[in-house]
């Protein structure tokens, strides 16, 4: 909702915080709400954390059938 309201940077910052403190599986659960929109955003957020976090989120998305 934030990105659609013109608050894209805030939405990305919140996703970044989420992927830093929650498990990759929880991130995949969030992505299941709107995969076409949220999968790329979550992967971008995970990429800003670390390569390992990005790989973890990618794996969790694949296991969840979203990646």
C-alpha atoms as a PDB file:
ATOM      1  CA  UNK A   1       0.000   0.000   0.000  1.00  0.00           C
ATOM      2  CA  UNK A   2       2.846   2.393   0.790  1.00  0.00           C
ATOM      3  CA  UNK A   3       4.444   2.040  -2.623  1.00  0.00           C
ATOM      4  CA  UNK A   4       1.111   2.629  -4.344  1.00  0.00           C
ATOM      5  CA  UNK A   5       0.674   5.774  -2.230  1.00  0.00           C
ATOM      6  CA  UNK A   6       3.940   7.178  -3.537  1.00  0.00           C
ATOM      7  CA  UNK A   7       5.938   6.062  -0.503  1.00  0.00           C
ATOM      8  CA  UNK A   8       8.143   3.535  -2.309  1.00  0.00           C
ATOM      9  CA  UNK A   9      11.352   4.376  -0.421  1.00  0.00           C
ATOM     10  CA  UNK A  10       9.580   3.951   2.916  1.00  0.00           C
ATOM     11  CA  UNK A  11       8.083   0.643   1.790  1.00  0.00           C
ATOM     12  CA  UNK A  12      11.522  -0.593   0.709  1.00  0.00           C
ATOM     13  CA  UNK A  13      13.067   0.504   4.021  1.00  0.00           C
ATOM     14  CA  UNK A  14      10.398  -1.379   5.973  1.00  0.00           C
ATOM     15  CA  UNK A  15      10.913  -4.509   3.877  1.00  0.00           C
ATOM     16  CA  UNK A  16      14.652  -4.196   4.453  1.00  0.00           C
ATOM     17  CA  UNK A  17      14.107  -4.059   8.202  1.00  0.00           C
ATOM     18  CA  UNK A  18      11.759  -7.030   7.993  1.00  0.00           C
ATOM     19  CA  UNK A  19      14.214  -9.261   6.121  1.00  0.00           C
ATOM     20  CA  UNK A  20      16.977  -8.291   8.577  1.00  0.00           C
ATOM     21  CA  UNK A  21      15.067  -9.354  11.695  1.00  0.00           C
ATOM     22  CA  UNK A  22      12.777 -12.133  10.458  1.00  0.00           C
ATOM     23  CA  UNK A  23      13.510 -15.510   8.941  1.00  0.00           C
ATOM     24  CA  UNK A  24      13.603 -16.079   5.192  1.00  0.00           C
ATOM     25  CA  UNK A  25      10.537 -18.296   5.613  1.00  0.00           C
ATOM     26  CA  UNK A  26       8.628 -15.406   7.166  1.00  0.00           C
ATOM     27  CA  UNK A  27       9.670 -13.199   4.251  1.00  0.00           C
ATOM     28  CA  UNK A  28       8.281 -15.805   1.860  1.00  0.00           C
ATOM     29  CA  UNK A  29       5.042 -15.749   3.824  1.00  0.00           C
ATOM     30  CA  UNK A  30       4.777 -12.001   3.302  1.00  0.00           C
ATOM     31  CA  UNK A  31       5.453 -12.435  -0.415  1.00  0.00           C
ATOM     32  CA  UNK A  32       2.539 -14.849  -0.714  1.00  0.00           C
ATOM     33  CA  UNK A  33       0.144 -11.925  -0.195  1.00  0.00           C
ATOM     34  CA  UNK A  34       0.977 -10.444  -3.630  1.00  0.00           C
ATOM     35  CA  UNK A  35       3.814 -12.402  -5.282  1.00  0.00           C
ATOM     36  CA  UNK A  36       4.169 -10.393  -8.516  1.00  0.00           C
ATOM     37  CA  UNK A  37       4.695  -7.203  -6.550  1.00  0.00           C
ATOM     38  CA  UNK A  38       6.342  -8.397  -3.340  1.00  0.00           C
ATOM     39  CA  UNK A  39       8.805 -11.061  -4.529  1.00  0.00           C
ATOM     40  CA  UNK A  40      11.011  -8.573  -6.425  1.00  0.00           C
ATOM     41  CA  UNK A  41      10.812  -6.068  -3.574  1.00  0.00           C
ATOM     42  CA  UNK A  42      11.744  -8.654  -0.940  1.00  0.00           C
ATOM     43  CA  UNK A  43      14.655  -9.918  -3.018  1.00  0.00           C
ATOM     44  CA  UNK A  44      15.915  -6.365  -3.479  1.00  0.00           C
ATOM     45  CA  UNK A  45      15.613  -5.755   0.259  1.00  0.00           C
ATOM     46  CA  UNK A  46      17.428  -9.002   1.065  1.00  0.00           C
ATOM     47  CA  UNK A  47      20.188  -8.049  -1.378  1.00  0.00           C
ATOM     48  CA  UNK A  48      20.860  -4.893   0.652  1.00  0.00           C
ATOM     49  CA  UNK A  49      21.339  -6.994   3.800  1.00  0.00           C
ATOM     50  CA  UNK A  50      23.815  -9.590   2.510  1.00  0.00           C
ATOM     51  CA  UNK A  51      24.386 -12.181  -0.186  1.00  0.00           C
ATOM     52  CA  UNK A  52      23.624 -14.908   2.334  1.00  0.00           C
ATOM     53  CA  UNK A  53      20.286 -13.311   3.243  1.00  0.00           C
ATOM     54  CA  UNK A  54      19.401 -12.955  -0.431  1.00  0.00           C
ATOM     55  CA  UNK A  55      20.173 -16.654  -1.007  1.00  0.00           C
ATOM     56  CA  UNK A  56      18.118 -17.591   2.048  1.00  0.00           C
ATOM     57  CA  UNK A  57      15.114 -15.594   0.881  1.00  0.00           C
ATOM     58  CA  UNK A  58      15.452 -16.979  -2.664  1.00  0.00           C
ATOM     59  CA  UNK A  59      15.468 -20.521  -1.278  1.00  0.00           C
ATOM     60  CA  UNK A  60      12.463 -19.870   0.979  1.00  0.00           C
ATOM     61  CA  UNK A  61      10.558 -18.399  -1.967  1.00  0.00           C
ATOM     62  CA  UNK A  62      11.314 -21.486  -4.099  1.00  0.00           C
ATOM     63  CA  UNK A  63      10.216 -23.832  -1.305  1.00  0.00           C
ATOM     64  CA  UNK A  64       6.998 -21.820  -0.961  1.00  0.00           C
ATOM     65  CA  UNK A  65       6.418 -22.106  -4.724  1.00  0.00           C
ATOM     66  CA  UNK A  66       6.909 -18.386  -5.286  1.00  0.00           C
ATOM     67  CA  UNK A  67      10.337 -18.255  -6.883  1.00  0.00           C
END
